[in-house]
């Protein structure tokens, strides 16, 4: 798989938003787990990124029309 980029976006209930970016992501290995007690199937992956743009505010928006 060729390297890819990831954008992480976040917002809260007050309309404040932030984003972070990871550039040149490469998956190193994968794992799989299961839990009978919790009825959960999960998959994990470790990765590296060539560079990152840290989490930073991108503005606010109103979710409720006034």
PDB file of N, CA and C in Angstrom:
ATOM      1  N   UNK A   1       0.849  -1.163   0.000  1.00  0.00           N
ATOM      2  CA  UNK A   1       0.000   0.000   0.000  1.00  0.00           C
ATOM      3  C   UNK A   1       0.903   1.237   0.000  1.00  0.00           C
ATOM      4  N   UNK A   2       0.567   2.184  -0.845  1.00  0.00           N
ATOM      5  CA  UNK A   2       1.321   3.435  -0.904  1.00  0.00           C
ATOM      6  C   UNK A   2       1.017   4.298   0.321  1.00  0.00           C
ATOM      7  N   UNK A   3       1.956   5.174   0.708  1.00  0.00           N
ATOM      8  CA  UNK A   3       1.690   6.080   1.839  1.00  0.00           C
ATOM      9  C   UNK A   3       0.461   6.951   1.558  1.00  0.00           C
ATOM     10  N   UNK A   4      -0.273   7.277   2.622  1.00  0.00           N
ATOM     11  CA  UNK A   4      -1.481   8.093   2.491  1.00  0.00           C
ATOM     12  C   UNK A   4      -1.517   9.127   3.603  1.00  0.00           C
ATOM     13  N   UNK A   5      -2.404  10.108   3.491  1.00  0.00           N
ATOM     14  CA  UNK A   5      -2.562  11.173   4.481  1.00  0.00           C
ATOM     15  C   UNK A   5      -3.838  10.953   5.275  1.00  0.00           C
ATOM     16  N   UNK A   6      -3.829  11.404   6.533  1.00  0.00           N
ATOM     17  CA  UNK A   6      -4.999  11.305   7.404  1.00  0.00           C
ATOM     18  C   UNK A   6      -5.319  12.694   7.945  1.00  0.00           C
ATOM     19  N   UNK A   7      -6.576  13.084   7.897  1.00  0.00           N
ATOM     20  CA  UNK A   7      -7.040  14.319   8.515  1.00  0.00           C
ATOM     21  C   UNK A   7      -7.955  13.952   9.668  1.00  0.00           C
ATOM     22  N   UNK A   8      -7.663  14.518  10.846  1.00  0.00           N
ATOM     23  CA  UNK A   8      -8.474  14.279  12.035  1.00  0.00           C
ATOM     24  C   UNK A   8      -9.241  15.564  12.333  1.00  0.00           C
ATOM     25  N   UNK A   9     -10.551  15.482  12.354  1.00  0.00           N
ATOM     26  CA  UNK A   9     -11.396  16.646  12.614  1.00  0.00           C
ATOM     27  C   UNK A   9     -12.156  16.430  13.916  1.00  0.00           C
ATOM     28  N   UNK A  10     -12.291  17.502  14.697  1.00  0.00           N
ATOM     29  CA  UNK A  10     -13.000  17.427  15.977  1.00  0.00           C
ATOM     30  C   UNK A  10     -13.850  18.676  16.157  1.00  0.00           C
ATOM     31  N   UNK A  11     -14.989  18.500  16.820  1.00  0.00           N
ATOM     32  CA  UNK A  11     -15.860  19.630  17.149  1.00  0.00           C
ATOM     33  C   UNK A  11     -16.596  19.306  18.433  1.00  0.00           C
ATOM     34  N   UNK A  12     -16.902  20.327  19.202  1.00  0.00           N
ATOM     35  CA  UNK A  12     -17.664  20.103  20.431  1.00  0.00           C
ATOM     36  C   UNK A  12     -19.074  20.669  20.288  1.00  0.00           C
ATOM     37  N   UNK A  13     -19.855  20.522  21.351  1.00  0.00           N
ATOM     38  CA  UNK A  13     -21.260  20.941  21.292  1.00  0.00           C
ATOM     39  C   UNK A  13     -21.434  22.452  21.230  1.00  0.00           C
ATOM     40  N   UNK A  14     -20.364  23.220  21.445  1.00  0.00           N
ATOM     41  CA  UNK A  14     -20.446  24.680  21.382  1.00  0.00           C
ATOM     42  C   UNK A  14     -20.034  25.219  20.020  1.00  0.00           C
ATOM     43  N   UNK A  15     -19.645  24.341  19.094  1.00  0.00           N
ATOM     44  CA  UNK A  15     -19.288  24.758  17.748  1.00  0.00           C
ATOM     45  C   UNK A  15     -17.807  24.991  17.529  1.00  0.00           C
ATOM     46  N   UNK A  16     -16.976  24.852  18.563  1.00  0.00           N
ATOM     47  CA  UNK A  16     -15.534  25.012  18.391  1.00  0.00           C
ATOM     48  C   UNK A  16     -14.996  23.801  17.632  1.00  0.00           C
ATOM     49  N   UNK A  17     -14.139  24.047  16.655  1.00  0.00           N
ATOM     50  CA  UNK A  17     -13.615  22.961  15.833  1.00  0.00           C
ATOM     51  C   UNK A  17     -12.092  23.018  15.784  1.00  0.00           C
ATOM     52  N   UNK A  18     -11.488  21.857  15.551  1.00  0.00           N
ATOM     53  CA  UNK A  18     -10.035  21.758  15.422  1.00  0.00           C
ATOM     54  C   UNK A  18      -9.718  20.629  14.458  1.00  0.00           C
ATOM     55  N   UNK A  19      -8.501  20.669  13.915  1.00  0.00           N
ATOM     56  CA  UNK A  19      -8.079  19.579  13.029  1.00  0.00           C
ATOM     57  C   UNK A  19      -6.582  19.346  13.167  1.00  0.00           C
ATOM     58  N   UNK A  20      -6.174  18.139  12.824  1.00  0.00           N
ATOM     59  CA  UNK A  20      -4.767  17.745  12.782  1.00  0.00           C
ATOM     60  C   UNK A  20      -4.576  16.919  11.520  1.00  0.00           C
ATOM     61  N   UNK A  21      -3.346  16.885  11.004  1.00  0.00           N
ATOM     62  CA  UNK A  21      -3.080  16.109   9.794  1.00  0.00           C
ATOM     63  C   UNK A  21      -1.821  15.278   9.977  1.00  0.00           C
ATOM     64  N   UNK A  22      -1.860  14.062   9.453  1.00  0.00           N
ATOM     65  CA  UNK A  22      -0.696  13.188   9.411  1.00  0.00           C
ATOM     66  C   UNK A  22      -0.383  12.949   7.940  1.00  0.00           C
ATOM     67  N   UNK A  23       0.857  13.149   7.553  1.00  0.00           N
ATOM     68  CA  UNK A  23       1.262  13.028   6.155  1.00  0.00           C
ATOM     69  C   UNK A  23       2.182  11.828   5.961  1.00  0.00           C
ATOM     70  N   UNK A  24       2.018  11.141   4.857  1.00  0.00           N
ATOM     71  CA  UNK A  24       2.881  10.020   4.516  1.00  0.00           C
ATOM     72  C   UNK A  24       2.764   8.850   5.468  1.00  0.00           C
ATOM     73  N   UNK A  25       1.554   8.475   5.831  1.00  0.00           N
ATOM     74  CA  UNK A  25       1.319   7.387   6.787  1.00  0.00           C
ATOM     75  C   UNK A  25       1.567   6.039   6.116  1.00  0.00           C
ATOM     76  N   UNK A  26       2.318   5.178   6.806  1.00  0.00           N
ATOM     77  CA  UNK A  26       2.568   3.818   6.341  1.00  0.00           C
ATOM     78  C   UNK A  26       2.217   2.843   7.463  1.00  0.00           C
ATOM     79  N   UNK A  27       1.414   1.834   7.153  1.00  0.00           N
ATOM     80  CA  UNK A  27       1.038   0.804   8.118  1.00  0.00           C
ATOM     81  C   UNK A  27       2.212  -0.157   8.280  1.00  0.00           C
ATOM     82  N   UNK A  28       2.634  -0.405   9.533  1.00  0.00           N
ATOM     83  CA  UNK A  28       3.749  -1.317   9.781  1.00  0.00           C
ATOM     84  C   UNK A  28       3.273  -2.745   9.979  1.00  0.00           C
ATOM     85  N   UNK A  29       2.279  -2.947  10.855  1.00  0.00           N
ATOM     86  CA  UNK A  29       1.725  -4.292  11.052  1.00  0.00           C
ATOM     87  C   UNK A  29       0.309  -4.184  11.598  1.00  0.00           C
ATOM     88  N   UNK A  30      -0.387  -5.296  11.570  1.00  0.00           N
ATOM     89  CA  UNK A  30      -1.772  -5.340  12.022  1.00  0.00           C
ATOM     90  C   UNK A  30      -1.960  -6.473  13.009  1.00  0.00           C
ATOM     91  N   UNK A  31      -2.962  -6.321  13.861  1.00  0.00           N
ATOM     92  CA  UNK A  31      -3.308  -7.369  14.812  1.00  0.00           C
ATOM     93  C   UNK A  31      -4.813  -7.467  14.936  1.00  0.00           C
ATOM     94  N   UNK A  32      -5.276  -8.590  15.453  1.00  0.00           N
ATOM     95  CA  UNK A  32      -6.707  -8.824  15.575  1.00  0.00           C
ATOM     96  C   UNK A  32      -6.973  -9.430  16.938  1.00  0.00           C
ATOM     97  N   UNK A  33      -8.017  -8.950  17.612  1.00  0.00           N
ATOM     98  CA  UNK A  33      -8.355  -9.483  18.922  1.00  0.00           C
ATOM     99  C   UNK A  33      -9.835  -9.719  19.057  1.00  0.00           C
ATOM    100  N   UNK A  34     -10.168 -10.599  19.957  1.00  0.00           N
ATOM    101  CA  UNK A  34     -11.577 -10.898  20.213  1.00  0.00           C
ATOM    102  C   UNK A  34     -11.772 -11.099  21.710  1.00  0.00           C
ATOM    103  N   UNK A  35     -12.934 -10.711  22.205  1.00  0.00           N
ATOM    104  CA  UNK A  35     -13.268 -10.871  23.611  1.00  0.00           C
ATOM    105  C   UNK A  35     -14.652 -11.498  23.720  1.00  0.00           C
ATOM    106  N   UNK A  36     -14.722 -12.639  24.352  1.00  0.00           N
ATOM    107  CA  UNK A  36     -16.003 -13.317  24.545  1.00  0.00           C
ATOM    108  C   UNK A  36     -16.805 -12.620  25.644  1.00  0.00           C
ATOM    109  N   UNK A  37     -16.121 -12.091  26.652  1.00  0.00           N
ATOM    110  CA  UNK A  37     -16.806 -11.428  27.766  1.00  0.00           C
ATOM    111  C   UNK A  37     -17.553 -10.171  27.316  1.00  0.00           C
ATOM    112  N   UNK A  38     -16.961  -9.404  26.400  1.00  0.00           N
ATOM    113  CA  UNK A  38     -17.567  -8.151  25.958  1.00  0.00           C
ATOM    114  C   UNK A  38     -18.208  -8.247  24.583  1.00  0.00           C
ATOM    115  N   UNK A  39     -18.138  -9.397  23.940  1.00  0.00           N
ATOM    116  CA  UNK A  39     -18.633  -9.582  22.569  1.00  0.00           C
ATOM    117  C   UNK A  39     -18.039  -8.535  21.635  1.00  0.00           C
ATOM    118  N   UNK A  40     -16.717  -8.437  21.657  1.00  0.00           N
ATOM    119  CA  UNK A  40     -16.013  -7.424  20.870  1.00  0.00           C
ATOM    120  C   UNK A  40     -15.030  -8.090  19.917  1.00  0.00           C
ATOM    121  N   UNK A  41     -15.021  -7.620  18.691  1.00  0.00           N
ATOM    122  CA  UNK A  41     -13.985  -7.953  17.728  1.00  0.00           C
ATOM    123  C   UNK A  41     -13.258  -6.656  17.405  1.00  0.00           C
ATOM    124  N   UNK A  42     -11.949  -6.661  17.473  1.00  0.00           N
ATOM    125  CA  UNK A  42     -11.223  -5.427  17.193  1.00  0.00           C
ATOM    126  C   UNK A  42      -9.974  -5.706  16.376  1.00  0.00           C
ATOM    127  N   UNK A  43      -9.589  -4.692  15.621  1.00  0.00           N
ATOM    128  CA  UNK A  43      -8.397  -4.793  14.795  1.00  0.00           C
ATOM    129  C   UNK A  43      -7.504  -3.601  15.122  1.00  0.00           C
ATOM    130  N   UNK A  44      -6.221  -3.853  15.309  1.00  0.00           N
ATOM    131  CA  UNK A  44      -5.260  -2.805  15.624  1.00  0.00           C
ATOM    132  C   UNK A  44      -4.233  -2.720  14.502  1.00  0.00           C
ATOM    133  N   UNK A  45      -3.644  -1.543  14.366  1.00  0.00           N
ATOM    134  CA  UNK A  45      -2.576  -1.359  13.395  1.00  0.00           C
ATOM    135  C   UNK A  45      -1.564  -0.379  13.965  1.00  0.00           C
ATOM    136  N   UNK A  46      -0.283  -0.642  13.740  1.00  0.00           N
ATOM    137  CA  UNK A  46       0.749   0.325  14.091  1.00  0.00           C
ATOM    138  C   UNK A  46       1.191   1.011  12.809  1.00  0.00           C
ATOM    139  N   UNK A  47       1.553   2.282  12.935  1.00  0.00           N
ATOM    140  CA  UNK A  47       1.902   3.041  11.742  1.00  0.00           C
ATOM    141  C   UNK A  47       2.974   4.066  12.069  1.00  0.00           C
ATOM    142  N   UNK A  48       3.572   4.614  11.026  1.00  0.00           N
ATOM    143  CA  UNK A  48       4.475   5.755  11.148  1.00  0.00           C
ATOM    144  C   UNK A  48       3.973   6.832  10.190  1.00  0.00           C
ATOM    145  N   UNK A  49       4.293   8.069  10.493  1.00  0.00           N
ATOM    146  CA  UNK A  49       3.933   9.184   9.625  1.00  0.00           C
ATOM    147  C   UNK A  49       5.196  10.000   9.361  1.00  0.00           C
ATOM    148  N   UNK A  50       5.353  10.441   8.138  1.00  0.00           N
ATOM    149  CA  UNK A  50       6.543  11.216   7.771  1.00  0.00           C
ATOM    150  C   UNK A  50       6.549  12.590   8.422  1.00  0.00           C
ATOM    151  N   UNK A  51       5.391  13.211   8.559  1.00  0.00           N
ATOM    152  CA  UNK A  51       5.288  14.503   9.239  1.00  0.00           C
ATOM    153  C   UNK A  51       3.865  14.693   9.753  1.00  0.00           C
ATOM    154  N   UNK A  52       3.715  15.620  10.701  1.00  0.00           N
ATOM    155  CA  UNK A  52       2.397  15.899  11.259  1.00  0.00           C
ATOM    156  C   UNK A  52       2.162  17.403  11.334  1.00  0.00           C
ATOM    157  N   UNK A  53       0.927  17.792  11.263  1.00  0.00           N
ATOM    158  CA  UNK A  53       0.479  19.147  11.532  1.00  0.00           C
ATOM    159  C   UNK A  53      -0.339  19.034  12.807  1.00  0.00           C
ATOM    160  N   UNK A  54       0.143  19.601  13.934  1.00  0.00           N
ATOM    161  CA  UNK A  54      -0.522  19.387  15.227  1.00  0.00           C
ATOM    162  C   UNK A  54      -1.971  19.894  15.255  1.00  0.00           C
ATOM    163  N   UNK A  55      -2.707  19.425  16.245  1.00  0.00           N
ATOM    164  CA  UNK A  55      -4.086  19.847  16.443  1.00  0.00           C
ATOM    165  C   UNK A  55      -4.140  21.352  16.646  1.00  0.00           C
ATOM    166  N   UNK A  56      -4.972  22.019  15.865  1.00  0.00           N
ATOM    167  CA  UNK A  56      -5.122  23.468  16.003  1.00  0.00           C
ATOM    168  C   UNK A  56      -6.556  23.879  15.689  1.00  0.00           C
ATOM    169  N   UNK A  57      -6.969  24.958  16.301  1.00  0.00           N
ATOM    170  CA  UNK A  57      -8.332  25.458  16.125  1.00  0.00           C
ATOM    171  C   UNK A  57      -8.538  25.905  14.691  1.00  0.00           C
ATOM    172  N   UNK A  58      -9.731  25.626  14.148  1.00  0.00           N
ATOM    173  CA  UNK A  58     -10.055  26.053  12.795  1.00  0.00           C
ATOM    174  C   UNK A  58     -11.261  26.987  12.764  1.00  0.00           C
ATOM    175  N   UNK A  59     -11.790  27.338  13.932  1.00  0.00           N
ATOM    176  CA  UNK A  59     -12.895  28.272  13.982  1.00  0.00           C
ATOM    177  C   UNK A  59     -14.085  27.711  14.746  1.00  0.00           C
ATOM    178  N   UNK A  60     -15.162  28.463  14.715  1.00  0.00           N
ATOM    179  CA  UNK A  60     -16.385  28.049  15.379  1.00  0.00           C
ATOM    180  C   UNK A  60     -17.544  28.188  14.407  1.00  0.00           C
ATOM    181  N   UNK A  61     -18.581  27.445  14.686  1.00  0.00           N
ATOM    182  CA  UNK A  61     -19.805  27.552  13.881  1.00  0.00           C
ATOM    183  C   UNK A  61     -20.993  27.380  14.808  1.00  0.00           C
ATOM    184  N   UNK A  62     -22.062  28.004  14.459  1.00  0.00           N
ATOM    185  CA  UNK A  62     -23.269  27.893  15.255  1.00  0.00           C
ATOM    186  C   UNK A  62     -24.107  26.722  14.760  1.00  0.00           C
ATOM    187  N   UNK A  63     -24.429  25.792  15.657  1.00  0.00           N
ATOM    188  CA  UNK A  63     -25.238  24.644  15.280  1.00  0.00           C
ATOM    189  C   UNK A  63     -26.718  24.929  15.438  1.00  0.00           C
ATOM    190  N   UNK A  64     -27.049  25.978  16.194  1.00  0.00           N
ATOM    191  CA  UNK A  64     -28.450  26.318  16.446  1.00  0.00           C
ATOM    192  C   UNK A  64     -28.756  27.651  15.777  1.00  0.00           C
ATOM    193  N   UNK A  65     -29.790  27.665  14.926  1.00  0.00           N
ATOM    194  CA  UNK A  65     -30.199  28.893  14.269  1.00  0.00           C
ATOM    195  C   UNK A  65     -30.877  29.802  15.283  1.00  0.00           C
ATOM    196  N   UNK A  66     -30.444  31.050  15.319  1.00  0.00           N
ATOM    197  CA  UNK A  66     -31.027  32.014  16.272  1.00  0.00           C
ATOM    198  C   UNK A  66     -32.138  32.806  15.641  1.00  0.00           C
TER     199      UNK A  66
END
